PDB file of N, CA and C in Angstrom:
ATOM      1  N   MET A   1       3.093 118.944 -30.271  1.00  0.00           N
ATOM      2  CA  MET A   1       1.709 118.599 -30.002  1.00  0.00           C
ATOM      3  C   MET A   1       1.136 117.845 -31.197  1.00  0.00           C
ATOM      4  N   LEU A   2       0.318 116.839 -30.915  1.00  0.00           N
ATOM      5  CA  LEU A   2      -0.285 116.027 -31.966  1.00  0.00           C
ATOM      6  C   LEU A   2      -1.472 116.751 -32.596  1.00  0.00           C
ATOM      7  N   ASN A   3      -1.616 116.593 -33.912  1.00  0.00           N
ATOM      8  CA  ASN A   3      -2.808 117.140 -34.560  1.00  0.00           C
ATOM      9  C   ASN A   3      -3.925 116.097 -34.522  1.00  0.00           C
ATOM     10  N   ASP A   4      -5.114 116.454 -34.989  1.00  0.00           N
ATOM     11  CA  ASP A   4      -6.272 115.558 -34.912  1.00  0.00           C
ATOM     12  C   ASP A   4      -6.027 114.222 -35.611  1.00  0.00           C
ATOM     13  N   ALA A   5      -5.440 114.260 -36.804  1.00  0.00           N
ATOM     14  CA  ALA A   5      -5.198 113.030 -37.562  1.00  0.00           C
ATOM     15  C   ALA A   5      -4.238 112.107 -36.817  1.00  0.00           C
ATOM     16  N   GLU A   6      -3.208 112.669 -36.211  1.00  0.00           N
ATOM     17  CA  GLU A   6      -2.245 111.850 -35.469  1.00  0.00           C
ATOM     18  C   GLU A   6      -2.890 111.211 -34.248  1.00  0.00           C
ATOM     19  N   ILE A   7      -3.773 111.932 -33.591  1.00  0.00           N
ATOM     20  CA  ILE A   7      -4.482 111.376 -32.438  1.00  0.00           C
ATOM     21  C   ILE A   7      -5.415 110.258 -32.883  1.00  0.00           C
ATOM     22  N   LEU A   8      -6.141 110.469 -33.970  1.00  0.00           N
ATOM     23  CA  LEU A   8      -7.048 109.431 -34.463  1.00  0.00           C
ATOM     24  C   LEU A   8      -6.302 108.157 -34.851  1.00  0.00           C
ATOM     25  N   LYS A   9      -5.070 108.291 -35.367  1.00  0.00           N
ATOM     26  CA  LYS A   9      -4.271 107.118 -35.740  1.00  0.00           C
ATOM     27  C   LYS A   9      -3.947 106.248 -34.532  1.00  0.00           C
ATOM     28  N   LEU A  10      -3.999 106.818 -33.334  1.00  0.00           N
ATOM     29  CA  LEU A  10      -3.758 106.033 -32.128  1.00  0.00           C
ATOM     30  C   LEU A  10      -4.940 105.132 -31.797  1.00  0.00           C
ATOM     31  N   PHE A  11      -6.138 105.497 -32.265  1.00  0.00           N
ATOM     32  CA  PHE A  11      -7.352 104.771 -31.911  1.00  0.00           C
ATOM     33  C   PHE A  11      -7.981 103.999 -33.060  1.00  0.00           C
ATOM     34  N   LEU A  12      -7.718 104.419 -34.279  1.00  0.00           N
ATOM     35  CA  LEU A  12      -8.370 103.828 -35.455  1.00  0.00           C
ATOM     36  C   LEU A  12      -7.315 103.351 -36.449  1.00  0.00           C
ATOM     37  N   PRO A  13      -7.697 102.445 -37.350  1.00  0.00           N
ATOM     38  CA  PRO A  13      -6.736 101.981 -38.348  1.00  0.00           C
ATOM     39  C   PRO A  13      -6.158 103.149 -39.155  1.00  0.00           C
ATOM     40  N   GLU A  14      -4.832 103.174 -39.280  1.00  0.00           N
ATOM     41  CA  GLU A  14      -4.139 104.269 -39.963  1.00  0.00           C
ATOM     42  C   GLU A  14      -4.627 104.437 -41.400  1.00  0.00           C
ATOM     43  N   LEU A  15      -4.905 103.333 -42.067  1.00  0.00           N
ATOM     44  CA  LEU A  15      -5.399 103.360 -43.443  1.00  0.00           C
ATOM     45  C   LEU A  15      -6.651 104.229 -43.564  1.00  0.00           C
ATOM     46  N   LEU A  16      -7.547 104.120 -42.599  1.00  0.00           N
ATOM     47  CA  LEU A  16      -8.779 104.920 -42.622  1.00  0.00           C
ATOM     48  C   LEU A  16      -8.480 106.399 -42.488  1.00  0.00           C
ATOM     49  N   ILE A  17      -7.585 106.757 -41.606  1.00  0.00           N
ATOM     50  CA  ILE A  17      -7.290 108.159 -41.355  1.00  0.00           C
ATOM     51  C   ILE A  17      -6.606 108.796 -42.565  1.00  0.00           C
ATOM     52  N   GLU A  18      -5.760 108.035 -43.248  1.00  0.00           N
ATOM     53  CA  GLU A  18      -5.027 108.575 -44.395  1.00  0.00           C
ATOM     54  C   GLU A  18      -5.872 108.698 -45.654  1.00  0.00           C
ATOM     55  N   HIS A  19      -6.766 107.744 -45.902  1.00  0.00           N
ATOM     56  CA  HIS A  19      -7.465 107.687 -47.189  1.00  0.00           C
ATOM     57  C   HIS A  19      -8.964 107.957 -47.127  1.00  0.00           C
ATOM     58  N   PHE A  20      -9.484 108.151 -45.923  1.00  0.00           N
ATOM     59  CA  PHE A  20     -10.919 108.365 -45.758  1.00  0.00           C
ATOM     60  C   PHE A  20     -11.153 109.599 -44.907  1.00  0.00           C
ATOM     61  N   GLU A  21     -12.313 110.210 -45.083  1.00  0.00           N
ATOM     62  CA  GLU A  21     -12.723 111.326 -44.239  1.00  0.00           C
ATOM     63  C   GLU A  21     -13.764 110.820 -43.250  1.00  0.00           C
ATOM     64  N   MET A  22     -13.610 111.218 -41.995  1.00  0.00           N
ATOM     65  CA  MET A  22     -14.624 110.876 -41.008  1.00  0.00           C
ATOM     66  C   MET A  22     -15.772 111.857 -41.196  1.00  0.00           C
ATOM     67  N   MET A  23     -16.945 111.349 -41.500  1.00  0.00           N
ATOM     68  CA  MET A  23     -18.095 112.195 -41.796  1.00  0.00           C
ATOM     69  C   MET A  23     -18.900 112.532 -40.538  1.00  0.00           C
ATOM     70  N   LYS A  24     -19.061 111.539 -39.666  1.00  0.00           N
ATOM     71  CA  LYS A  24     -19.805 111.779 -38.429  1.00  0.00           C
ATOM     72  C   LYS A  24     -19.594 110.595 -37.500  1.00  0.00           C
ATOM     73  N   PHE A  25     -20.017 110.764 -36.266  1.00  0.00           N
ATOM     74  CA  PHE A  25     -20.031 109.657 -35.321  1.00  0.00           C
ATOM     75  C   PHE A  25     -21.251 109.804 -34.430  1.00  0.00           C
ATOM     76  N   GLU A  26     -21.751 108.675 -33.982  1.00  0.00           N
ATOM     77  CA  GLU A  26     -22.941 108.648 -33.127  1.00  0.00           C
ATOM     78  C   GLU A  26     -22.742 107.587 -32.051  1.00  0.00           C
ATOM     79  N   GLU A  27     -23.271 107.841 -30.877  1.00  0.00           N
ATOM     80  CA  GLU A  27     -23.272 106.831 -29.832  1.00  0.00           C
ATOM     81  C   GLU A  27     -24.707 106.422 -29.576  1.00  0.00           C
ATOM     82  N   GLU A  28     -24.919 105.106 -29.565  1.00  0.00           N
ATOM     83  CA  GLU A  28     -26.271 104.577 -29.391  1.00  0.00           C
ATOM     84  C   GLU A  28     -26.175 103.262 -28.619  1.00  0.00           C
ATOM     85  N   ASN A  29     -26.750 103.215 -27.426  1.00  0.00           N
ATOM     86  CA  ASN A  29     -26.761 101.993 -26.611  1.00  0.00           C
ATOM     87  C   ASN A  29     -25.375 101.377 -26.437  1.00  0.00           C
ATOM     88  N   LYS A  30     -24.414 102.179 -26.018  1.00  0.00           N
ATOM     89  CA  LYS A  30     -23.029 101.746 -25.797  1.00  0.00           C
ATOM     90  C   LYS A  30     -22.349 101.237 -27.072  1.00  0.00           C
ATOM     91  N   ILE A  31     -22.833 101.666 -28.216  1.00  0.00           N
ATOM     92  CA  ILE A  31     -22.192 101.358 -29.504  1.00  0.00           C
ATOM     93  C   ILE A  31     -21.805 102.676 -30.147  1.00  0.00           C
ATOM     94  N   LEU A  32     -20.533 102.799 -30.491  1.00  0.00           N
ATOM     95  CA  LEU A  32     -20.032 103.982 -31.162  1.00  0.00           C
ATOM     96  C   LEU A  32     -19.980 103.695 -32.661  1.00  0.00           C
ATOM     97  N   HIS A  33     -20.778 104.429 -33.420  1.00  0.00           N
ATOM     98  CA  HIS A  33     -20.812 104.302 -34.880  1.00  0.00           C
ATOM     99  C   HIS A  33     -19.988 105.441 -35.464  1.00  0.00           C
ATOM    100  N   ILE A  34     -18.975 105.093 -36.274  1.00  0.00           N
ATOM    101  CA  ILE A  34     -18.137 106.099 -36.911  1.00  0.00           C
ATOM    102  C   ILE A  34     -18.253 105.904 -38.417  1.00  0.00           C
ATOM    103  N   TYR A  35     -18.586 106.980 -39.132  1.00  0.00           N
ATOM    104  CA  TYR A  35     -18.859 106.921 -40.568  1.00  0.00           C
ATOM    105  C   TYR A  35     -17.717 107.545 -41.367  1.00  0.00           C
ATOM    106  N   PHE A  36     -17.236 106.810 -42.373  1.00  0.00           N
ATOM    107  CA  PHE A  36     -16.136 107.263 -43.220  1.00  0.00           C
ATOM    108  C   PHE A  36     -16.531 107.207 -44.686  1.00  0.00           C
ATOM    109  N   GLU A  37     -15.997 108.164 -45.468  1.00  0.00           N
ATOM    110  CA  GLU A  37     -16.116 108.149 -46.926  1.00  0.00           C
ATOM    111  C   GLU A  37     -14.711 108.272 -47.500  1.00  0.00           C
ATOM    112  N   GLU A  38     -14.435 107.481 -48.523  1.00  0.00           N
ATOM    113  CA  GLU A  38     -13.128 107.551 -49.166  1.00  0.00           C
ATOM    114  C   GLU A  38     -12.931 108.927 -49.787  1.00  0.00           C
ATOM    115  N   LYS A  39     -11.728 109.477 -49.616  1.00  0.00           N
ATOM    116  CA  LYS A  39     -11.415 110.782 -50.196  1.00  0.00           C
ATOM    117  C   LYS A  39     -11.472 110.705 -51.717  1.00  0.00           C
ATOM    118  N   ASN A  40     -11.776 111.815 -52.337  1.00  0.00           N
ATOM    119  CA  ASN A  40     -11.909 111.857 -53.792  1.00  0.00           C
ATOM    120  C   ASN A  40     -10.540 112.075 -54.453  1.00  0.00           C
ATOM    121  N   THR A  41      -9.644 111.133 -54.207  1.00  0.00           N
ATOM    122  CA  THR A  41      -8.332 111.136 -54.857  1.00  0.00           C
ATOM    123  C   THR A  41      -8.186 109.811 -55.583  1.00  0.00           C
ATOM    124  N   ALA A  42      -7.988 109.879 -56.894  1.00  0.00           N
ATOM    125  CA  ALA A  42      -7.922 108.678 -57.721  1.00  0.00           C
ATOM    126  C   ALA A  42      -6.725 107.819 -57.334  1.00  0.00           C
ATOM    127  N   PRO A  43      -6.837 106.507 -57.515  1.00  0.00           N
ATOM    128  CA  PRO A  43      -5.715 105.617 -57.214  1.00  0.00           C
ATOM    129  C   PRO A  43      -4.476 105.980 -58.022  1.00  0.00           C
ATOM    130  N   LYS A  44      -3.318 105.956 -57.374  1.00  0.00           N
ATOM    131  CA  LYS A  44      -2.060 106.331 -58.030  1.00  0.00           C
ATOM    132  C   LYS A  44      -1.756 105.451 -59.235  1.00  0.00           C
ATOM    133  N   GLU A  45      -2.124 104.181 -59.166  1.00  0.00           N
ATOM    134  CA  GLU A  45      -1.833 103.267 -60.275  1.00  0.00           C
ATOM    135  C   GLU A  45      -2.596 103.631 -61.551  1.00  0.00           C
ATOM    136  N   PHE A  46      -3.600 104.511 -61.435  1.00  0.00           N
ATOM    137  CA  PHE A  46      -4.369 104.964 -62.593  1.00  0.00           C
ATOM    138  C   PHE A  46      -4.163 106.455 -62.852  1.00  0.00           C
ATOM    139  N   SER A  47      -3.021 106.986 -62.419  1.00  0.00           N
ATOM    140  CA  SER A  47      -2.767 108.424 -62.544  1.00  0.00           C
ATOM    141  C   SER A  47      -2.721 108.886 -64.004  1.00  0.00           C
ATOM    142  N   SER A  48      -2.392 107.992 -64.930  1.00  0.00           N
ATOM    143  CA  SER A  48      -2.325 108.385 -66.343  1.00  0.00           C
ATOM    144  C   SER A  48      -3.712 108.386 -66.998  1.00  0.00           C
ATOM    145  N   ALA A  49      -4.678 107.744 -66.388  1.00  0.00           N
ATOM    146  CA  ALA A  49      -6.037 107.671 -66.941  1.00  0.00           C
ATOM    147  C   ALA A  49      -6.835 108.910 -66.532  1.00  0.00           C
ATOM    148  N   MET A  50      -7.835 109.222 -67.317  1.00  0.00           N
ATOM    149  CA  MET A  50      -8.730 110.332 -67.003  1.00  0.00           C
ATOM    150  C   MET A  50      -9.931 109.744 -66.257  1.00  0.00           C
ATOM    151  N   LEU A  51      -9.936 109.909 -64.931  1.00  0.00           N
ATOM    152  CA  LEU A  51     -10.979 109.306 -64.099  1.00  0.00           C
ATOM    153  C   LEU A  51     -11.961 110.355 -63.606  1.00  0.00           C
ATOM    154  N   GLN A  52     -13.204 109.917 -63.488  1.00  0.00           N
ATOM    155  CA  GLN A  52     -14.263 110.781 -62.974  1.00  0.00           C
ATOM    156  C   GLN A  52     -14.952 110.034 -61.837  1.00  0.00           C
ATOM    157  N   SER A  53     -15.057 110.680 -60.674  1.00  0.00           N
ATOM    158  CA  SER A  53     -15.711 110.046 -59.529  1.00  0.00           C
ATOM    159  C   SER A  53     -17.174 109.795 -59.855  1.00  0.00           C
ATOM    160  N   LYS A  54     -17.618 108.577 -59.569  1.00  0.00           N
ATOM    161  CA  LYS A  54     -19.001 108.190 -59.862  1.00  0.00           C
ATOM    162  C   LYS A  54     -19.690 107.606 -58.638  1.00  0.00           C
ATOM    163  N   GLY A  55     -19.505 108.260 -57.514  1.00  0.00           N
ATOM    164  CA  GLY A  55     -20.219 107.839 -56.308  1.00  0.00           C
ATOM    165  C   GLY A  55     -19.487 106.760 -55.532  1.00  0.00           C
ATOM    166  N   PHE A  56     -20.259 105.943 -54.832  1.00  0.00           N
ATOM    167  CA  PHE A  56     -19.707 104.979 -53.898  1.00  0.00           C
ATOM    168  C   PHE A  56     -20.275 103.583 -54.149  1.00  0.00           C
ATOM    169  N   VAL A  57     -19.489 102.587 -53.737  1.00  0.00           N
ATOM    170  CA  VAL A  57     -20.002 101.221 -53.698  1.00  0.00           C
ATOM    171  C   VAL A  57     -20.800 101.101 -52.401  1.00  0.00           C
ATOM    172  N   PRO A  58     -21.613 100.067 -52.224  1.00  0.00           N
ATOM    173  CA  PRO A  58     -22.402  99.957 -50.991  1.00  0.00           C
ATOM    174  C   PRO A  58     -21.522  99.986 -49.735  1.00  0.00           C
ATOM    175  N   GLU A  59     -22.017 100.661 -48.718  1.00  0.00           N
ATOM    176  CA  GLU A  59     -21.314 100.808 -47.444  1.00  0.00           C
ATOM    177  C   GLU A  59     -21.111  99.460 -46.778  1.00  0.00           C
ATOM    178  N   ILE A  60     -19.946  99.289 -46.137  1.00  0.00           N
ATOM    179  CA  ILE A  60     -19.715  98.105 -45.313  1.00  0.00           C
ATOM    180  C   ILE A  60     -19.611  98.545 -43.865  1.00  0.00           C
ATOM    181  N   THR A  61     -19.952  97.647 -42.954  1.00  0.00           N
ATOM    182  CA  THR A  61     -19.827  97.914 -41.525  1.00  0.00           C
ATOM    183  C   THR A  61     -18.869  96.888 -40.950  1.00  0.00           C
ATOM    184  N   VAL A  62     -17.869  97.386 -40.217  1.00  0.00           N
ATOM    185  CA  VAL A  62     -16.798  96.551 -39.710  1.00  0.00           C
ATOM    186  C   VAL A  62     -16.641  96.792 -38.217  1.00  0.00           C
ATOM    187  N   ASP A  63     -16.433  95.724 -37.447  1.00  0.00           N
ATOM    188  CA  ASP A  63     -16.162  95.852 -36.014  1.00  0.00           C
ATOM    189  C   ASP A  63     -14.692  96.182 -35.804  1.00  0.00           C
ATOM    190  N   ASP A  64     -14.423  97.041 -34.821  1.00  0.00           N
ATOM    191  CA  ASP A  64     -13.048  97.389 -34.472  1.00  0.00           C
ATOM    192  C   ASP A  64     -12.896  97.289 -32.961  1.00  0.00           C
ATOM    193  N   PHE A  65     -11.686  97.569 -32.469  1.00  0.00           N
ATOM    194  CA  PHE A  65     -11.411  97.501 -31.041  1.00  0.00           C
ATOM    195  C   PHE A  65     -12.397  98.362 -30.257  1.00  0.00           C
ATOM    196  N   PRO A  66     -12.880  97.865 -29.118  1.00  0.00           N
ATOM    197  CA  PRO A  66     -13.739  98.695 -28.262  1.00  0.00           C
ATOM    198  C   PRO A  66     -12.967  99.910 -27.748  1.00  0.00           C
ATOM    199  N   LEU A  67     -13.675 101.000 -27.532  1.00  0.00           N
ATOM    200  CA  LEU A  67     -13.093 102.216 -26.963  1.00  0.00           C
ATOM    201  C   LEU A  67     -13.884 102.602 -25.720  1.00  0.00           C
ATOM    202  N   ARG A  68     -13.185 102.727 -24.607  1.00  0.00           N
ATOM    203  CA  ARG A  68     -13.809 103.166 -23.351  1.00  0.00           C
ATOM    204  C   ARG A  68     -15.078 102.373 -23.022  1.00  0.00           C
ATOM    205  N   GLY A  69     -15.019 101.052 -23.228  1.00  0.00           N
ATOM    206  CA  GLY A  69     -16.142 100.193 -22.895  1.00  0.00           C
ATOM    207  C   GLY A  69     -17.276 100.215 -23.898  1.00  0.00           C
ATOM    208  N   LYS A  70     -17.056 100.849 -25.034  1.00  0.00           N
ATOM    209  CA  LYS A  70     -18.100 100.926 -26.068  1.00  0.00           C
ATOM    210  C   LYS A  70     -17.686 100.076 -27.272  1.00  0.00           C
ATOM    211  N   THR A  71     -18.634  99.352 -27.813  1.00  0.00           N
ATOM    212  CA  THR A  71     -18.414  98.626 -29.056  1.00  0.00           C
ATOM    213  C   THR A  71     -18.218  99.649 -30.166  1.00  0.00           C
ATOM    214  N   VAL A  72     -17.307  99.373 -31.098  1.00  0.00           N
ATOM    215  CA  VAL A  72     -17.045 100.304 -32.196  1.00  0.00           C
ATOM    216  C   VAL A  72     -17.428  99.659 -33.522  1.00  0.00           C
ATOM    217  N   LYS A  73     -18.279 100.342 -34.256  1.00  0.00           N
ATOM    218  CA  LYS A  73     -18.689  99.935 -35.601  1.00  0.00           C
ATOM    219  C   LYS A  73     -18.210 100.999 -36.574  1.00  0.00           C
ATOM    220  N   LEU A  74     -17.406 100.591 -37.541  1.00  0.00           N
ATOM    221  CA  LEU A  74     -16.917 101.509 -38.567  1.00  0.00           C
ATOM    222  C   LEU A  74     -17.768 101.319 -39.817  1.00  0.00           C
ATOM    223  N   HIS A  75     -18.386 102.383 -40.274  1.00  0.00           N
ATOM    224  CA  HIS A  75     -19.216 102.362 -41.488  1.00  0.00           C
ATOM    225  C   HIS A  75     -18.380 103.003 -42.594  1.00  0.00           C
ATOM    226  N   ILE A  76     -18.057 102.215 -43.611  1.00  0.00           N
ATOM    227  CA  ILE A  76     -17.077 102.655 -44.605  1.00  0.00           C
ATOM    228  C   ILE A  76     -17.692 102.652 -46.000  1.00  0.00           C
ATOM    229  N   LYS A  77     -17.611 103.826 -46.648  1.00  0.00           N
ATOM    230  CA  LYS A  77     -18.077 103.964 -48.033  1.00  0.00           C
ATOM    231  C   LYS A  77     -16.854 104.171 -48.926  1.00  0.00           C
ATOM    232  N   ARG A  78     -16.661 103.235 -49.864  1.00  0.00           N
ATOM    233  CA  ARG A  78     -15.535 103.318 -50.787  1.00  0.00           C
ATOM    234  C   ARG A  78     -15.996 103.915 -52.108  1.00  0.00           C
ATOM    235  N   ARG A  79     -15.130 104.691 -52.733  1.00  0.00           N
ATOM    236  CA  ARG A  79     -15.451 105.346 -54.008  1.00  0.00           C
ATOM    237  C   ARG A  79     -15.274 104.419 -55.187  1.00  0.00           C
ATOM    238  N   ARG A  80     -15.914 104.821 -56.265  1.00  0.00           N
ATOM    239  CA  ARG A  80     -15.651 104.193 -57.558  1.00  0.00           C
ATOM    240  C   ARG A  80     -15.497 105.310 -58.580  1.00  0.00           C
ATOM    241  N   TRP A  81     -14.668 105.067 -59.560  1.00  0.00           N
ATOM    242  CA  TRP A  81     -14.406 106.037 -60.617  1.00  0.00           C
ATOM    243  C   TRP A  81     -14.685 105.376 -61.957  1.00  0.00           C
ATOM    244  N   THR A  82     -14.980 106.199 -62.947  1.00  0.00           N
ATOM    245  CA  THR A  82     -15.137 105.729 -64.318  1.00  0.00           C
ATOM    246  C   THR A  82     -13.997 106.294 -65.150  1.00  0.00           C
ATOM    247  N   ASP A  83     -13.350 105.420 -65.914  1.00  0.00           N
ATOM    248  CA  ASP A  83     -12.334 105.865 -66.867  1.00  0.00           C
ATOM    249  C   ASP A  83     -13.097 106.487 -68.030  1.00  0.00           C
ATOM    250  N   VAL A  84     -12.910 107.775 -68.242  1.00  0.00           N
ATOM    251  CA  VAL A  84     -13.675 108.526 -69.240  1.00  0.00           C
ATOM    252  C   VAL A  84     -13.473 107.957 -70.645  1.00  0.00           C
ATOM    253  N   LYS A  85     -12.263 107.515 -70.962  1.00  0.00           N
ATOM    254  CA  LYS A  85     -11.964 107.008 -72.310  1.00  0.00           C
ATOM    255  C   LYS A  85     -12.539 105.624 -72.560  1.00  0.00           C
ATOM    256  N   THR A  86     -12.404 104.711 -71.587  1.00  0.00           N
ATOM    257  CA  THR A  86     -12.807 103.320 -71.808  1.00  0.00           C
ATOM    258  C   THR A  86     -14.175 102.987 -71.228  1.00  0.00           C
ATOM    259  N   GLY A  87     -14.637 103.780 -70.259  1.00  0.00           N
ATOM    260  CA  GLY A  87     -15.904 103.484 -69.594  1.00  0.00           C
ATOM    261  C   GLY A  87     -15.775 102.447 -68.487  1.00  0.00           C
ATOM    262  N   ASN A  88     -14.553 101.963 -68.232  1.00  0.00           N
ATOM    263  CA  ASN A  88     -14.330 100.957 -67.184  1.00  0.00           C
ATOM    264  C   ASN A  88     -14.514 101.568 -65.799  1.00  0.00           C
ATOM    265  N   ILE A  89     -15.066 100.769 -64.903  1.00  0.00           N
ATOM    266  CA  ILE A  89     -15.238 101.184 -63.508  1.00  0.00           C
ATOM    267  C   ILE A  89     -13.962 100.802 -62.749  1.00  0.00           C
ATOM    268  N   ILE A  90     -13.433 101.759 -62.004  1.00  0.00           N
ATOM    269  CA  ILE A  90     -12.197 101.569 -61.239  1.00  0.00           C
ATOM    270  C   ILE A  90     -12.516 101.782 -59.765  1.00  0.00           C
ATOM    271  N   GLN A  91     -11.969 100.902 -58.919  1.00  0.00           N
ATOM    272  CA  GLN A  91     -12.043 101.119 -57.474  1.00  0.00           C
ATOM    273  C   GLN A  91     -10.850 100.444 -56.827  1.00  0.00           C
ATOM    274  N   ARG A  92     -10.432 100.981 -55.692  1.00  0.00           N
ATOM    275  CA  ARG A  92      -9.319 100.379 -54.960  1.00  0.00           C
ATOM    276  C   ARG A  92      -9.798  99.105 -54.294  1.00  0.00           C
ATOM    277  N   ASN A  93      -8.894  98.176 -54.139  1.00  0.00           N
ATOM    278  CA  ASN A  93      -9.190  96.955 -53.401  1.00  0.00           C
ATOM    279  C   ASN A  93      -8.557  97.082 -52.022  1.00  0.00           C
ATOM    280  N   TRP A  94      -9.276  97.680 -51.090  1.00  0.00           N
ATOM    281  CA  TRP A  94      -8.756  97.917 -49.758  1.00  0.00           C
ATOM    282  C   TRP A  94      -8.723  96.626 -48.958  1.00  0.00           C
ATOM    283  N   ASP A  95      -7.688  96.472 -48.149  1.00  0.00           N
ATOM    284  CA  ASP A  95      -7.583  95.351 -47.226  1.00  0.00           C
ATOM    285  C   ASP A  95      -8.097  95.830 -45.872  1.00  0.00           C
ATOM    286  N   LEU A  96      -9.391  96.140 -45.814  1.00  0.00           N
ATOM    287  CA  LEU A  96      -9.972  96.723 -44.604  1.00  0.00           C
ATOM    288  C   LEU A  96     -10.428  95.682 -43.596  1.00  0.00           C
ATOM    289  N   ILE A  97     -10.845  94.526 -44.085  1.00  0.00           N
ATOM    290  CA  ILE A  97     -11.382  93.533 -43.163  1.00  0.00           C
ATOM    291  C   ILE A  97     -10.594  92.238 -43.264  1.00  0.00           C
ATOM    292  N   ALA A  98     -10.531  91.521 -42.151  1.00  0.00           N
ATOM    293  CA  ALA A  98      -9.867  90.229 -42.132  1.00  0.00           C
ATOM    294  C   ALA A  98     -10.713  89.230 -42.908  1.00  0.00           C
ATOM    295  N   LYS A  99     -10.052  88.389 -43.670  1.00  0.00           N
ATOM    296  CA  LYS A  99     -10.746  87.420 -44.516  1.00  0.00           C
ATOM    297  C   LYS A  99     -11.675  86.545 -43.679  1.00  0.00           C
ATOM    298  N   GLY A 100     -12.908  86.417 -44.121  1.00  0.00           N
ATOM    299  CA  GLY A 100     -13.888  85.579 -43.450  1.00  0.00           C
ATOM    300  C   GLY A 100     -14.519  86.203 -42.214  1.00  0.00           C
ATOM    301  N   THR A 101     -14.303  87.505 -41.998  1.00  0.00           N
ATOM    302  CA  THR A 101     -14.860  88.169 -40.822  1.00  0.00           C
ATOM    303  C   THR A 101     -15.509  89.482 -41.229  1.00  0.00           C
ATOM    304  N   ARG A 102     -16.061  90.171 -40.257  1.00  0.00           N
ATOM    305  CA  ARG A 102     -16.546  91.545 -40.434  1.00  0.00           C
ATOM    306  C   ARG A 102     -15.808  92.427 -39.432  1.00  0.00           C
ATOM    307  N   MET A 103     -14.496  92.156 -39.273  1.00  0.00           N
ATOM    308  CA  MET A 103     -13.659  92.898 -38.332  1.00  0.00           C
ATOM    309  C   MET A 103     -12.463  93.483 -39.068  1.00  0.00           C
ATOM    310  N   THR A 104     -11.916  94.566 -38.494  1.00  0.00           N
ATOM    311  CA  THR A 104     -10.678  95.084 -39.064  1.00  0.00           C
ATOM    312  C   THR A 104      -9.597  94.022 -38.907  1.00  0.00           C
ATOM    313  N   THR A 105      -8.617  94.061 -39.780  1.00  0.00           N
ATOM    314  CA  THR A 105      -7.537  93.077 -39.754  1.00  0.00           C
ATOM    315  C   THR A 105      -6.827  93.080 -38.405  1.00  0.00           C
ATOM    316  N   ASP A 106      -6.528  94.268 -37.874  1.00  0.00           N
ATOM    317  CA  ASP A 106      -5.836  94.365 -36.582  1.00  0.00           C
ATOM    318  C   ASP A 106      -6.657  93.752 -35.446  1.00  0.00           C
ATOM    319  N   PHE A 107      -7.950  94.017 -35.429  1.00  0.00           N
ATOM    320  CA  PHE A 107      -8.813  93.499 -34.374  1.00  0.00           C
ATOM    321  C   PHE A 107      -8.897  91.977 -34.460  1.00  0.00           C
ATOM    322  N   ALA A 108      -9.029  91.439 -35.671  1.00  0.00           N
ATOM    323  CA  ALA A 108      -9.096  89.986 -35.849  1.00  0.00           C
ATOM    324  C   ALA A 108      -7.790  89.322 -35.393  1.00  0.00           C
ATOM    325  N   GLU A 109      -6.647  89.928 -35.716  1.00  0.00           N
ATOM    326  CA  GLU A 109      -5.352  89.393 -35.282  1.00  0.00           C
ATOM    327  C   GLU A 109      -5.242  89.405 -33.761  1.00  0.00           C
ATOM    328  N   PHE A 110      -5.694  90.479 -33.140  1.00  0.00           N
ATOM    329  CA  PHE A 110      -5.672  90.585 -31.682  1.00  0.00           C
ATOM    330  C   PHE A 110      -6.511  89.471 -31.055  1.00  0.00           C
ATOM    331  N   LEU A 111      -7.720  89.275 -31.548  1.00  0.00           N
ATOM    332  CA  LEU A 111      -8.592  88.232 -30.996  1.00  0.00           C
ATOM    333  C   LEU A 111      -7.999  86.842 -31.207  1.00  0.00           C
ATOM    334  N   LYS A 112      -7.366  86.637 -32.349  1.00  0.00           N
ATOM    335  CA  LYS A 112      -6.739  85.347 -32.627  1.00  0.00           C
ATOM    336  C   LYS A 112      -5.629  85.069 -31.600  1.00  0.00           C
ATOM    337  N   LYS A 113      -4.827  86.101 -31.298  1.00  0.00           N
ATOM    338  CA  LYS A 113      -3.717  85.944 -30.356  1.00  0.00           C
ATOM    339  C   LYS A 113      -4.216  85.651 -28.951  1.00  0.00           C
ATOM    340  N   ILE A 114      -5.240  86.399 -28.486  1.00  0.00           N
ATOM    341  CA  ILE A 114      -5.682  86.172 -27.103  1.00  0.00           C
ATOM    342  C   ILE A 114      -6.436  84.869 -26.966  1.00  0.00           C
ATOM    343  N   SER A 115      -6.991  84.343 -28.037  1.00  0.00           N
ATOM    344  CA  SER A 115      -7.726  83.062 -27.935  1.00  0.00           C
ATOM    345  C   SER A 115      -6.759  81.894 -27.791  1.00  0.00           C
ATOM    346  N   ARG A 116      -5.454  82.093 -28.030  1.00  0.00           N
ATOM    347  CA  ARG A 116      -4.457  81.028 -27.903  1.00  0.00           C
ATOM    348  C   ARG A 116      -4.024  80.822 -26.462  1.00  0.00           C
ATOM    349  N   TYR A 117      -4.367  81.751 -25.564  1.00  0.00           N
ATOM    350  CA  TYR A 117      -3.913  81.659 -24.178  1.00  0.00           C
ATOM    351  C   TYR A 117      -4.897  80.935 -23.304  1.00  0.00           C
TER     352      TYR A 117
END
């Protein structure tokens, strides 16, 4: 039997399910809003540094595949950390949206493919 995370991976980008927590969802006028916050786990490439979570960068909103006839808007809050020794701000550079769009990469690729027919 599939667990909740495995089921969500069937409907949402896997990257979100693995590295973000779903905080809430709301339906409003046939639009499904799903809110995510990045988990408080420091980037592996900075595992040797002493990092302290310092909140979030501004939220982004991204369009994803429709579900059951509803438009899907993903609201994503990414974390930032401060290196305690140097004071440098650290954050992951997620490839969440397709370049030049406000859509997930998978959704943009899908639309590109169907527009060729």
